[in-house]
N, C-alpha and C. Protein backbone atom coordinates (compact mmCIF):
# COMPACT_ATOMS: atom_id res chain seq x y z
N UNK A 1 17.00 24.57 8.20
CA UNK A 1 16.68 23.56 7.15
C UNK A 1 17.48 22.41 7.46
N UNK A 2 16.87 21.23 7.38
CA UNK A 2 17.73 19.92 7.21
C UNK A 2 18.43 19.68 6.25
N UNK A 3 19.84 19.73 6.33
CA UNK A 3 20.68 19.62 5.25
C UNK A 3 21.40 18.28 5.23
N UNK A 4 21.17 17.28 4.66
CA UNK A 4 21.86 16.11 5.03
C UNK A 4 23.17 15.93 4.12
N UNK A 5 24.15 15.33 4.75
CA UNK A 5 25.30 14.85 4.18
C UNK A 5 25.91 13.61 4.40
N UNK A 6 26.60 12.98 3.41
CA UNK A 6 26.80 11.45 3.66
C UNK A 6 27.81 11.39 5.08
N UNK A 7 28.64 12.32 5.43
CA UNK A 7 29.54 12.25 6.42
C UNK A 7 28.61 12.10 7.78
N UNK A 8 27.58 12.67 7.96
CA UNK A 8 26.85 12.87 9.27
C UNK A 8 25.45 12.54 9.35
N UNK A 9 24.98 11.79 8.33
CA UNK A 9 23.71 11.68 8.07
C UNK A 9 23.35 10.19 7.92
N UNK A 10 22.39 9.65 8.51
CA UNK A 10 22.25 8.10 8.30
C UNK A 10 21.00 7.91 7.78
N UNK A 11 20.58 6.91 6.91
CA UNK A 11 19.26 6.53 6.39
C UNK A 11 18.71 5.33 7.17
N UNK A 12 17.74 5.37 8.07
CA UNK A 12 17.50 4.37 8.88
C UNK A 12 16.06 3.95 8.43
N UNK A 13 16.01 2.52 8.32
CA UNK A 13 14.91 1.74 7.78
C UNK A 13 14.42 0.87 9.05
N UNK A 14 13.26 0.87 9.50
CA UNK A 14 12.43 0.11 10.32
C UNK A 14 11.89 -0.88 9.82
N UNK A 15 11.87 -2.15 10.16
CA UNK A 15 11.36 -3.50 10.02
C UNK A 15 11.30 -3.54 8.29
N UNK A 16 12.44 -4.01 7.54
CA UNK A 16 12.23 -4.07 6.19
C UNK A 16 12.06 -5.51 5.64
N UNK A 17 11.29 -5.90 6.41
CA UNK A 17 10.94 -7.42 6.33
C UNK A 17 9.58 -7.68 5.80
N UNK A 18 9.40 -8.98 5.10
CA UNK A 18 8.35 -9.51 4.55
C UNK A 18 7.08 -9.43 5.26
N UNK A 19 6.97 -9.85 6.53
CA UNK A 19 5.52 -9.95 7.18
C UNK A 19 4.34 -8.57 6.91
N UNK A 20 5.20 -7.62 6.93
CA UNK A 20 4.19 -6.59 6.78
C UNK A 20 4.40 -5.90 5.02
N UNK A 21 5.50 -6.16 4.48
CA UNK A 21 5.78 -5.50 3.23
C UNK A 21 5.44 -6.43 2.09
N UNK A 22 5.28 -7.81 2.20
CA UNK A 22 5.34 -8.70 0.97
C UNK A 22 4.06 -9.69 0.93
N UNK A 23 3.56 -9.72 -0.24
CA UNK A 23 2.41 -10.76 -0.19
C UNK A 23 2.86 -12.17 0.48
N UNK A 24 1.83 -12.50 1.00
CA UNK A 24 2.03 -13.69 1.84
C UNK A 24 2.70 -13.59 3.23
N UNK A 25 2.99 -12.30 3.52
CA UNK A 25 3.31 -11.94 4.82
C UNK A 25 2.05 -12.02 5.83
N UNK A 26 2.46 -12.32 7.04
CA UNK A 26 1.34 -12.54 7.88
C UNK A 26 0.65 -11.17 8.34
N UNK A 27 1.27 -10.16 8.05
CA UNK A 27 0.46 -8.82 8.39
C UNK A 27 0.25 -8.13 7.16
N UNK A 28 0.37 -8.66 5.75
CA UNK A 28 0.56 -7.98 4.67
C UNK A 28 -0.83 -7.68 4.12
N UNK A 29 -1.88 -8.45 4.66
CA UNK A 29 -3.34 -8.03 4.56
C UNK A 29 -3.66 -6.81 5.23
N UNK A 30 -3.01 -6.55 6.16
CA UNK A 30 -3.38 -4.94 7.00
C UNK A 30 -2.77 -4.00 6.41
N UNK A 31 -1.60 -3.85 5.56
CA UNK A 31 -1.11 -3.07 5.01
C UNK A 31 -1.21 -2.81 3.63
N UNK A 32 -1.47 -3.83 3.18
CA UNK A 32 -1.68 -3.99 1.44
C UNK A 32 -2.02 -2.55 0.84
N UNK A 33 -3.28 -2.24 1.37
CA UNK A 33 -3.98 -0.88 0.62
C UNK A 33 -2.96 0.15 0.79
N UNK A 34 -2.48 0.21 1.86
CA UNK A 34 -1.56 1.69 2.40
C UNK A 34 -0.29 1.74 1.47
N UNK A 35 0.45 0.52 1.44
CA UNK A 35 1.37 0.21 0.57
C UNK A 35 1.07 0.67 -0.81
N UNK A 36 -0.02 -0.08 -1.42
CA UNK A 36 -0.29 0.46 -2.77
C UNK A 36 -0.44 1.77 -2.92
N UNK A 37 -1.27 2.43 -2.11
CA UNK A 37 -1.35 3.78 -2.14
C UNK A 37 -0.36 4.83 -2.05
N UNK A 38 0.61 4.43 -1.33
CA UNK A 38 1.76 5.28 -1.03
C UNK A 38 3.14 4.73 -2.00
N UNK A 39 2.96 3.56 -2.71
CA UNK A 39 3.93 3.13 -3.52
C UNK A 39 5.13 2.70 -2.65
N UNK A 40 4.82 2.11 -1.54
CA UNK A 40 6.01 2.26 -0.42
C UNK A 40 7.24 1.45 -0.53
N UNK A 41 6.93 0.25 -1.25
CA UNK A 41 8.09 -0.71 -1.68
C UNK A 41 9.04 -0.04 -2.66
N UNK A 42 8.20 0.46 -3.67
CA UNK A 42 9.35 1.14 -4.64
C UNK A 42 9.89 2.28 -3.94
N UNK A 43 9.18 3.23 -3.34
CA UNK A 43 10.00 4.37 -2.55
C UNK A 43 11.14 3.85 -1.71
N UNK A 44 10.74 2.82 -0.89
CA UNK A 44 11.90 2.43 -0.23
C UNK A 44 13.13 1.94 -0.87
N UNK A 45 12.98 1.28 -1.96
CA UNK A 45 14.03 0.64 -2.75
C UNK A 45 14.76 2.00 -3.15
N UNK A 46 13.87 2.91 -3.84
CA UNK A 46 14.70 4.10 -4.49
C UNK A 46 15.50 4.90 -3.58
N UNK A 47 14.75 5.08 -2.28
CA UNK A 47 15.61 5.65 -1.35
C UNK A 47 16.96 5.04 -0.76
N UNK A 48 16.80 3.82 -0.64
CA UNK A 48 18.04 2.98 -0.38
C UNK A 48 19.09 3.06 -1.39
N UNK A 49 18.71 2.76 -2.69
CA UNK A 49 19.55 2.92 -3.69
C UNK A 49 20.09 4.13 -4.13
N UNK A 50 19.44 5.24 -3.89
CA UNK A 50 19.88 6.52 -4.02
C UNK A 50 20.77 7.00 -3.20
N UNK A 51 20.70 6.66 -1.85
CA UNK A 51 21.30 6.98 -0.71
C UNK A 51 22.80 6.27 -0.59
N UNK A 52 22.87 4.89 -1.11
CA UNK A 52 23.94 4.22 -1.15
C UNK A 52 24.85 4.73 -2.43
N UNK A 53 24.33 5.06 -3.48
CA UNK A 53 25.00 5.59 -4.64
C UNK A 53 25.47 6.98 -4.37
N UNK A 54 25.06 7.61 -3.49
CA UNK A 54 25.53 8.93 -3.17
C UNK A 54 26.41 9.14 -1.94
N UNK A 55 26.87 7.66 -1.37
CA UNK A 55 27.66 7.67 -0.51
C UNK A 55 27.05 7.54 1.16
N UNK A 56 25.94 7.66 1.35
CA UNK A 56 25.04 7.45 2.47
C UNK A 56 25.29 6.16 3.21
N UNK A 57 25.19 5.96 4.40
CA UNK A 57 25.19 4.71 4.99
C UNK A 57 23.87 4.47 5.42
N UNK A 58 23.36 2.95 5.37
CA UNK A 58 22.15 2.72 5.81
C UNK A 58 22.30 1.90 6.95
N UNK A 59 21.29 2.03 7.99
CA UNK A 59 20.87 1.37 9.01
C UNK A 59 19.56 0.81 9.33
N UNK A 60 19.73 -0.69 9.56
CA UNK A 60 18.43 -1.34 9.54
C UNK A 60 18.09 -1.83 10.98
N UNK A 61 16.80 -1.48 11.49
CA UNK A 61 16.42 -1.82 12.68
C UNK A 61 15.23 -2.74 12.48
N UNK A 62 15.60 -3.98 12.52
CA UNK A 62 14.64 -4.97 12.40
C UNK A 62 13.77 -5.26 13.67
N UNK A 63 12.72 -6.03 13.20
CA UNK A 63 11.96 -6.59 14.53
C UNK A 63 11.73 -8.18 14.43
N UNK A 64 12.51 -8.75 15.56
CA UNK A 64 12.12 -10.49 15.70
C UNK A 64 11.74 -10.76 16.85
N UNK A 65 10.89 -11.73 17.01
CA UNK A 65 10.29 -12.52 18.05
C UNK A 65 10.70 -13.88 18.28
N UNK A 66 11.22 -14.05 19.20
CA UNK A 66 11.71 -15.58 19.82
C UNK A 66 10.74 -16.29 20.32
N UNK A 67 10.84 -17.68 20.43
CA UNK A 67 9.81 -18.38 21.34
C UNK A 67 9.69 -17.93 22.66
N UNK A 68 10.59 -17.34 23.35
CA UNK A 68 10.34 -17.02 24.77
C UNK A 68 9.52 -15.72 24.80
N UNK A 69 9.51 -14.89 23.67
CA UNK A 69 8.73 -13.74 23.65
C UNK A 69 7.23 -13.92 24.08
N UNK A 70 6.84 -15.13 23.87
CA UNK A 70 5.38 -15.52 23.75
C UNK A 70 5.12 -15.93 25.16
N UNK A 71 5.91 -15.85 26.22
CA UNK A 71 5.78 -15.80 27.57
C UNK A 71 5.86 -14.52 28.38
N UNK A 72 5.57 -13.40 27.51
CA UNK A 72 5.58 -12.14 28.30
C UNK A 72 4.43 -12.01 28.90
N UNK A 73 4.51 -11.53 30.26
CA UNK A 73 3.28 -11.43 31.28
C UNK A 73 2.40 -10.22 31.09
N UNK A 74 3.01 -9.26 30.34
CA UNK A 74 1.86 -8.17 29.90
C UNK A 74 2.26 -7.58 28.57
N UNK A 75 1.30 -7.25 27.84
CA UNK A 75 1.52 -6.76 26.33
C UNK A 75 0.53 -5.49 26.19
N UNK A 76 0.72 -4.84 25.25
CA UNK A 76 0.10 -3.75 24.67
C UNK A 76 -0.55 -4.08 23.30
N UNK A 77 -1.29 -3.58 22.69
CA UNK A 77 -2.13 -3.90 21.43
C UNK A 77 -1.17 -4.27 20.38
N UNK A 78 -0.09 -3.45 20.24
CA UNK A 78 0.74 -3.79 18.97
C UNK A 78 1.34 -5.03 19.35
N UNK A 79 1.86 -5.33 20.50
CA UNK A 79 2.48 -6.74 20.78
C UNK A 79 1.69 -7.94 20.57
N UNK A 80 0.37 -7.48 21.08
CA UNK A 80 -0.70 -8.69 20.83
C UNK A 80 -0.88 -9.02 19.42
N UNK A 81 -0.86 -7.99 18.90
CA UNK A 81 -1.08 -8.13 17.21
C UNK A 81 -0.01 -9.00 16.62
N UNK A 82 1.18 -8.48 16.95
CA UNK A 82 2.39 -9.44 16.38
C UNK A 82 2.40 -10.82 16.86
N UNK A 83 2.30 -10.87 18.15
CA UNK A 83 2.26 -12.21 18.71
C UNK A 83 0.89 -13.18 18.21
N UNK A 84 -0.18 -12.47 18.02
CA UNK A 84 -1.27 -13.26 17.84
C UNK A 84 -1.13 -13.51 16.14
N UNK A 85 -0.51 -12.91 15.26
CA UNK A 85 -0.38 -13.27 13.84
C UNK A 85 1.03 -14.02 13.69
N UNK A 86 1.76 -14.23 14.87
CA UNK A 86 3.00 -14.86 14.84
C UNK A 86 3.95 -14.51 13.84
N UNK A 87 4.10 -13.24 13.82
CA UNK A 87 5.15 -12.31 13.01
C UNK A 87 6.35 -12.58 13.41
N UNK A 88 7.40 -12.26 12.46
CA UNK A 88 8.80 -11.86 12.58
C UNK A 88 9.43 -12.92 13.62
N UNK A 89 8.85 -14.14 13.41
CA UNK A 89 9.43 -15.30 14.14
C UNK A 89 10.75 -15.80 13.79
N UNK A 90 11.56 -15.95 14.81
CA UNK A 90 13.06 -16.47 14.77
C UNK A 90 13.09 -17.49 15.78
N UNK A 91 13.81 -18.90 15.48
CA UNK A 91 13.87 -19.72 16.64
C UNK A 91 14.75 -19.53 17.54
N UNK A 92 15.88 -18.82 17.25
CA UNK A 92 16.98 -18.33 18.17
C UNK A 92 17.99 -17.48 17.47
N UNK A 93 18.74 -16.88 18.16
CA UNK A 93 19.86 -16.11 17.60
C UNK A 93 20.58 -16.61 16.80
N UNK A 94 20.66 -18.14 16.63
CA UNK A 94 21.68 -18.66 15.79
C UNK A 94 21.09 -19.45 14.38
N UNK A 95 19.83 -19.20 14.19
CA UNK A 95 19.11 -19.62 13.11
C UNK A 95 18.83 -18.57 12.29
N UNK A 96 18.43 -19.11 10.89
CA UNK A 96 17.96 -18.09 10.02
C UNK A 96 16.62 -17.44 10.43
N UNK A 97 16.15 -16.38 9.91
CA UNK A 97 14.98 -16.06 10.30
C UNK A 97 13.78 -16.82 9.35
N UNK A 98 12.44 -16.92 9.95
CA UNK A 98 11.38 -17.32 9.11
C UNK A 98 11.31 -16.66 7.85
N UNK A 99 10.49 -17.10 6.96
CA UNK A 99 10.38 -16.10 5.63
C UNK A 99 9.79 -14.90 6.09
N UNK A 100 8.74 -14.69 7.12
CA UNK A 100 8.12 -13.61 7.23
C UNK A 100 9.12 -12.66 7.89
N UNK A 101 10.03 -13.12 8.71
CA UNK A 101 10.97 -12.17 9.41
C UNK A 101 11.96 -11.92 8.64
N UNK A 102 12.24 -12.63 7.36
CA UNK A 102 13.24 -12.26 6.50
C UNK A 102 13.28 -10.83 5.81
N UNK A 103 14.29 -10.43 5.20
CA UNK A 103 14.32 -9.04 4.61
C UNK A 103 13.56 -9.24 3.39
N UNK A 104 13.02 -8.22 2.93
CA UNK A 104 12.15 -8.23 1.53
C UNK A 104 13.30 -8.51 0.71
N UNK A 105 12.98 -9.41 -0.43
CA UNK A 105 14.12 -9.88 -1.34
C UNK A 105 14.83 -8.64 -2.21
N UNK A 106 13.82 -7.79 -2.50
CA UNK A 106 14.45 -6.55 -3.40
C UNK A 106 15.26 -5.72 -2.76
N UNK A 107 15.10 -5.72 -1.29
CA UNK A 107 16.06 -4.86 -0.58
C UNK A 107 17.39 -5.61 -0.22
N UNK A 108 17.52 -6.83 -0.57
CA UNK A 108 18.60 -7.40 0.02
C UNK A 108 20.32 -6.94 -0.48
N UNK A 109 20.00 -6.31 -1.68
CA UNK A 109 21.30 -6.12 -2.26
C UNK A 109 21.74 -4.76 -1.49
N UNK A 110 20.99 -3.97 -1.00
CA UNK A 110 21.10 -2.55 -0.16
C UNK A 110 21.51 -3.03 1.25
N UNK A 111 20.74 -3.84 1.75
CA UNK A 111 20.96 -4.58 3.17
C UNK A 111 22.13 -5.03 3.43
N UNK A 112 22.64 -5.90 2.50
CA UNK A 112 23.89 -6.75 2.45
C UNK A 112 25.04 -6.01 1.89
N UNK A 113 24.66 -4.85 1.52
CA UNK A 113 26.15 -4.09 1.23
C UNK A 113 27.01 -3.99 2.46
N UNK A 114 28.12 -4.01 2.20
CA UNK A 114 29.20 -3.77 3.35
C UNK A 114 29.35 -2.96 4.14
N UNK A 115 28.53 -1.65 3.57
CA UNK A 115 28.50 -0.52 4.47
C UNK A 115 27.58 -0.45 5.13
N UNK A 116 26.41 -1.24 5.03
CA UNK A 116 25.17 -1.15 5.63
C UNK A 116 25.27 -2.03 7.05
N UNK A 117 24.66 -1.41 8.32
CA UNK A 117 24.84 -1.90 9.52
C UNK A 117 23.23 -2.25 9.70
N UNK A 118 22.98 -3.62 10.21
CA UNK A 118 21.95 -4.18 10.76
C UNK A 118 21.92 -4.20 12.26
N UNK A 119 21.00 -3.48 12.93
CA UNK A 119 21.25 -3.28 14.56
C UNK A 119 20.59 -4.64 14.95
N UNK A 120 20.89 -4.87 16.36
CA UNK A 120 20.21 -6.00 16.83
C UNK A 120 18.53 -5.61 17.05
N UNK A 121 17.75 -6.67 17.15
CA UNK A 121 16.26 -6.36 16.94
C UNK A 121 15.61 -5.39 18.13
N UNK A 122 14.77 -4.56 17.63
CA UNK A 122 13.86 -3.90 18.65
C UNK A 122 12.78 -4.86 19.30
N UNK A 123 12.12 -4.67 20.26
CA UNK A 123 11.17 -5.60 20.77
C UNK A 123 9.92 -5.04 20.99
N UNK A 124 9.55 -3.73 21.03
CA UNK A 124 8.30 -3.06 20.92
C UNK A 124 8.15 -2.24 19.54
N UNK A 125 8.74 -1.24 19.84
CA UNK A 125 8.54 -0.23 18.62
C UNK A 125 9.56 0.62 18.57
N UNK A 126 10.23 1.15 19.40
CA UNK A 126 11.37 2.00 19.36
C UNK A 126 12.79 1.55 19.53
N UNK A 127 13.89 2.06 19.35
CA UNK A 127 15.44 1.63 19.63
C UNK A 127 15.73 1.80 20.79
N UNK A 128 14.78 1.92 22.00
CA UNK A 128 15.40 1.70 23.25
C UNK A 128 15.70 0.21 23.54
N UNK A 129 15.31 -0.64 22.80
CA UNK A 129 15.75 -2.16 23.34
C UNK A 129 16.62 -2.76 22.13
N UNK A 130 17.27 -1.80 21.35
CA UNK A 130 18.40 -2.32 20.38
C UNK A 130 19.58 -1.42 20.52
N UNK A 131 20.31 -1.84 19.72
CA UNK A 131 21.72 -0.96 19.70
C UNK A 131 21.89 -0.04 18.62
N UNK A 132 20.71 0.36 17.92
CA UNK A 132 20.88 1.36 16.92
C UNK A 132 21.49 2.62 17.43
N UNK A 133 21.30 3.28 18.42
CA UNK A 133 21.80 4.68 18.65
C UNK A 133 23.27 4.27 18.86
N UNK A 134 23.61 3.29 19.52
CA UNK A 134 25.21 2.94 19.91
C UNK A 134 25.83 2.80 18.55
N UNK A 135 25.02 2.21 17.62
CA UNK A 135 25.89 1.95 16.08
C UNK A 135 25.87 3.58 15.37
N UNK A 136 24.88 4.36 15.25
CA UNK A 136 24.85 5.46 14.94
C UNK A 136 25.92 6.36 15.42
N UNK A 137 26.21 6.30 16.81
CA UNK A 137 27.21 7.41 17.57
C UNK A 137 28.53 6.54 17.10
N UNK A 138 28.59 5.50 16.85
CA UNK A 138 29.93 4.91 16.57
C UNK A 138 30.36 5.15 14.90
N UNK A 139 29.43 5.65 14.17
CA UNK A 139 29.77 6.02 12.92
C UNK A 139 29.52 7.66 12.81
N UNK A 140 29.44 8.12 14.01
CA UNK A 140 29.62 9.68 14.07
C UNK A 140 28.38 10.35 13.50
N UNK A 141 27.39 9.89 13.38
CA UNK A 141 26.01 10.23 12.82
C UNK A 141 25.35 11.16 13.70
N UNK A 142 24.99 12.46 13.07
CA UNK A 142 24.35 13.50 13.79
C UNK A 142 22.77 13.46 13.40
N UNK A 143 22.51 13.08 12.29
CA UNK A 143 21.23 13.30 11.71
C UNK A 143 20.63 11.90 11.02
N UNK A 144 19.39 11.82 10.90
CA UNK A 144 18.96 10.27 10.37
C UNK A 144 17.65 10.91 9.50
N UNK A 145 17.40 10.04 8.57
CA UNK A 145 16.36 10.16 7.69
C UNK A 145 15.63 8.68 7.90
N UNK A 146 14.49 8.63 8.12
CA UNK A 146 13.65 7.41 8.58
C UNK A 146 12.66 7.22 7.69
N UNK A 147 12.35 5.89 7.44
CA UNK A 147 11.38 5.20 6.60
C UNK A 147 11.12 3.89 7.10
N UNK A 148 10.10 3.22 6.53
CA UNK A 148 9.79 1.88 6.86
C UNK A 148 8.51 1.72 7.43
N UNK A 149 8.09 0.55 8.20
CA UNK A 149 6.80 0.39 8.72
C UNK A 149 6.94 0.01 10.25
N UNK A 150 6.03 0.11 10.84
CA UNK A 150 4.57 0.71 10.40
C UNK A 150 4.59 2.06 10.84
N UNK A 151 4.17 3.10 10.14
CA UNK A 151 4.22 4.46 9.85
C UNK A 151 3.92 5.17 11.30
N UNK A 152 2.76 4.63 12.14
CA UNK A 152 2.61 5.20 13.35
C UNK A 152 2.79 4.73 14.67
N UNK A 153 3.79 3.56 14.28
CA UNK A 153 4.13 2.70 15.38
C UNK A 153 5.70 2.82 15.47
N UNK A 154 6.27 1.98 14.66
CA UNK A 154 7.96 1.74 14.76
C UNK A 154 8.42 2.93 14.29
N UNK A 155 7.94 3.42 12.93
CA UNK A 155 8.60 4.71 12.37
C UNK A 155 8.63 5.85 13.29
N UNK A 156 7.39 6.04 13.88
CA UNK A 156 7.12 7.28 14.82
C UNK A 156 7.92 7.11 16.03
N UNK A 157 7.91 5.72 16.63
CA UNK A 157 8.52 5.51 17.90
C UNK A 157 10.08 5.87 17.66
N UNK A 158 10.74 5.07 16.53
CA UNK A 158 12.12 5.56 16.25
C UNK A 158 12.35 7.09 15.84
N UNK A 159 11.36 7.87 15.38
CA UNK A 159 11.54 9.06 15.06
C UNK A 159 11.60 9.92 16.62
N UNK A 160 10.69 9.80 17.32
CA UNK A 160 10.69 10.24 18.66
C UNK A 160 11.92 10.21 19.51
N UNK A 161 12.11 8.82 19.57
CA UNK A 161 13.41 8.58 20.45
C UNK A 161 14.79 9.16 19.82
N UNK A 162 15.04 8.93 18.46
CA UNK A 162 16.12 9.63 18.07
C UNK A 162 16.20 11.08 18.09
N UNK A 163 15.04 11.91 18.18
CA UNK A 163 14.83 13.25 18.37
C UNK A 163 15.34 13.63 19.79
N UNK A 164 14.70 12.77 20.89
CA UNK A 164 14.99 12.83 22.20
C UNK A 164 16.68 12.66 22.65
N UNK A 165 17.04 11.84 21.69
CA UNK A 165 18.84 11.64 21.83
C UNK A 165 19.34 12.60 21.01
N UNK A 166 19.05 13.81 20.60
CA UNK A 166 19.82 14.65 20.03
C UNK A 166 20.07 14.62 18.43
N UNK A 167 19.46 13.75 17.71
CA UNK A 167 19.58 13.64 16.26
C UNK A 167 18.47 14.46 15.66
N UNK A 168 19.25 15.39 14.76
CA UNK A 168 18.34 16.12 13.62
C UNK A 168 17.91 14.89 12.98
N UNK A 169 16.57 15.02 12.63
CA UNK A 169 15.44 13.86 11.96
C UNK A 169 14.91 14.27 11.12
N UNK A 170 14.68 13.32 9.88
CA UNK A 170 13.63 13.93 9.10
C UNK A 170 12.95 12.44 8.57
N UNK A 171 11.80 12.37 8.04
CA UNK A 171 10.92 11.31 7.85
C UNK A 171 10.35 11.44 6.36
N UNK A 172 10.56 10.13 5.71
CA UNK A 172 10.12 10.08 4.28
C UNK A 172 8.97 9.38 4.37
N UNK A 173 7.65 10.30 4.47
CA UNK A 173 6.45 10.01 4.68
C UNK A 173 5.70 8.60 3.80
N UNK A 174 6.22 8.75 2.21
CA UNK A 174 5.51 7.86 1.51
C UNK A 174 6.43 6.76 1.29
N UNK A 175 7.33 6.56 2.05
CA UNK A 175 8.16 5.47 2.15
C UNK A 175 7.97 4.60 3.40
N UNK A 176 6.81 4.84 3.89
CA UNK A 176 6.18 4.29 5.27
C UNK A 176 4.93 3.69 4.81
N UNK A 177 4.16 2.89 5.57
CA UNK A 177 2.94 2.27 5.47
C UNK A 177 2.17 1.80 6.99
N UNK A 178 0.92 2.10 6.95
CA UNK A 178 0.37 1.65 8.19
C UNK A 178 -0.80 0.69 7.81
N UNK A 179 -1.42 0.28 8.74
CA UNK A 179 -2.50 -0.74 8.63
C UNK A 179 -4.01 0.06 8.28
N UNK A 180 -4.07 1.41 8.09
CA UNK A 180 -5.20 1.99 7.67
C UNK A 180 -4.74 3.49 7.29
N UNK A 181 -5.71 4.33 6.62
CA UNK A 181 -5.40 5.24 6.19
C UNK A 181 -5.35 6.44 7.32
N UNK A 182 -6.31 5.98 8.11
CA UNK A 182 -6.34 6.84 9.48
C UNK A 182 -5.06 6.92 10.26
N UNK A 183 -4.58 5.60 10.61
CA UNK A 183 -3.30 5.56 11.04
C UNK A 183 -2.19 6.19 10.41
N UNK A 184 -2.19 6.18 9.16
CA UNK A 184 -1.07 6.77 8.31
C UNK A 184 -1.02 8.28 8.47
N UNK A 185 -2.27 8.73 8.29
CA UNK A 185 -2.61 10.26 8.49
C UNK A 185 -2.29 10.77 9.99
N UNK A 186 -2.56 10.02 10.93
CA UNK A 186 -2.19 10.32 12.22
C UNK A 186 -0.54 10.45 12.44
N UNK A 187 0.08 9.49 11.70
CA UNK A 187 1.43 9.40 11.77
C UNK A 187 2.13 10.59 11.01
N UNK A 188 1.49 10.97 9.90
CA UNK A 188 2.08 12.16 9.15
C UNK A 188 1.85 13.43 10.12
N UNK A 189 0.84 13.55 10.63
CA UNK A 189 0.49 14.45 11.62
C UNK A 189 1.67 14.63 12.50
N UNK A 190 2.05 13.69 13.30
CA UNK A 190 2.85 13.65 14.35
C UNK A 190 4.61 13.93 13.78
N UNK A 191 4.82 13.55 12.45
CA UNK A 191 6.01 13.56 11.77
C UNK A 191 6.19 15.10 11.76
N UNK A 192 5.10 15.71 11.22
CA UNK A 192 5.17 17.26 10.79
C UNK A 192 5.22 18.03 12.16
N UNK A 193 4.78 17.54 13.08
CA UNK A 193 4.79 18.30 14.61
C UNK A 193 6.40 18.20 15.23
N UNK A 194 6.97 17.17 14.96
CA UNK A 194 8.25 16.55 15.71
C UNK A 194 9.51 16.68 14.65
N UNK A 195 9.54 16.25 13.65
CA UNK A 195 10.58 16.09 12.74
C UNK A 195 11.15 17.32 12.25
N UNK A 196 12.41 17.52 11.90
CA UNK A 196 12.85 18.50 11.35
C UNK A 196 12.57 18.79 9.91
N UNK A 197 12.11 17.65 9.21
CA UNK A 197 11.53 17.65 7.82
C UNK A 197 10.77 16.45 7.66
N UNK A 198 9.77 16.72 6.84
CA UNK A 198 8.92 15.62 6.44
C UNK A 198 8.77 15.70 4.82
N UNK A 199 9.31 14.64 4.41
CA UNK A 199 9.44 14.62 3.02
C UNK A 199 8.67 13.76 2.21
N UNK A 200 8.48 13.73 0.79
CA UNK A 200 8.32 12.59 0.10
C UNK A 200 9.54 11.92 -0.43
N UNK A 201 9.50 10.96 -1.09
CA UNK A 201 10.68 10.25 -1.65
C UNK A 201 11.46 11.02 -2.45
N UNK A 202 10.74 11.69 -3.47
CA UNK A 202 11.18 12.56 -4.49
C UNK A 202 12.13 13.71 -3.79
N UNK A 203 11.40 14.07 -2.90
CA UNK A 203 12.02 15.51 -2.21
C UNK A 203 13.16 14.87 -1.43
N UNK A 204 13.18 13.83 -0.70
CA UNK A 204 14.36 13.35 -0.04
C UNK A 204 15.37 12.92 -1.16
N UNK A 205 15.18 12.34 -2.14
CA UNK A 205 16.38 11.93 -2.86
C UNK A 205 16.85 13.26 -3.76
N UNK A 206 16.18 14.19 -3.86
CA UNK A 206 16.54 15.58 -4.37
C UNK A 206 17.56 16.24 -3.19
N UNK A 207 17.45 15.98 -2.14
CA UNK A 207 18.08 16.66 -1.24
C UNK A 207 19.53 15.85 -0.63
N UNK A 208 19.46 14.47 -1.21
CA UNK A 208 20.71 13.68 -0.51
C UNK A 208 22.06 14.24 -1.28
């Protein structure tokens, strides 16, 4: 059984940003129904606030796209969707993100807590292209609890890669959202196939 503890367990949130999670975000029209169905925003906030209050450390894995990324010579569907919608835009590494790439306002007290670690941005879906795993290792974390968006893309990709790298991993499925119910259910099927635990938010906070 997955038994979390603040000393060895990290809370990992993928893409806690406006473009998919907030009204006015460039991809919000795609996720809005699933967010409302799952109560995703409230569940994410409850998970983060409870975790911090109980001494757990949060790790954010954001998604940023710079102007030079629009020159990629080959892309897949997910990359084309993000580039086509002009999501997660940042001018360069030295300027603030666009409104869409910025963190959801209600999440900022938890993200900007001095204990929280914000990794470098990932570029497709998984943490292979950022420093999340390095940061987890530096804090001696052995277990991860994952939530965020999109359920079947970044959340699932992070889950798979963390498991492959030896982290015992749980997913909080109603603190995620996808662009359709079909995609969401596909993700939940795979969470249950791979993760050590697949929880609701209420179950997760009861175990913290």
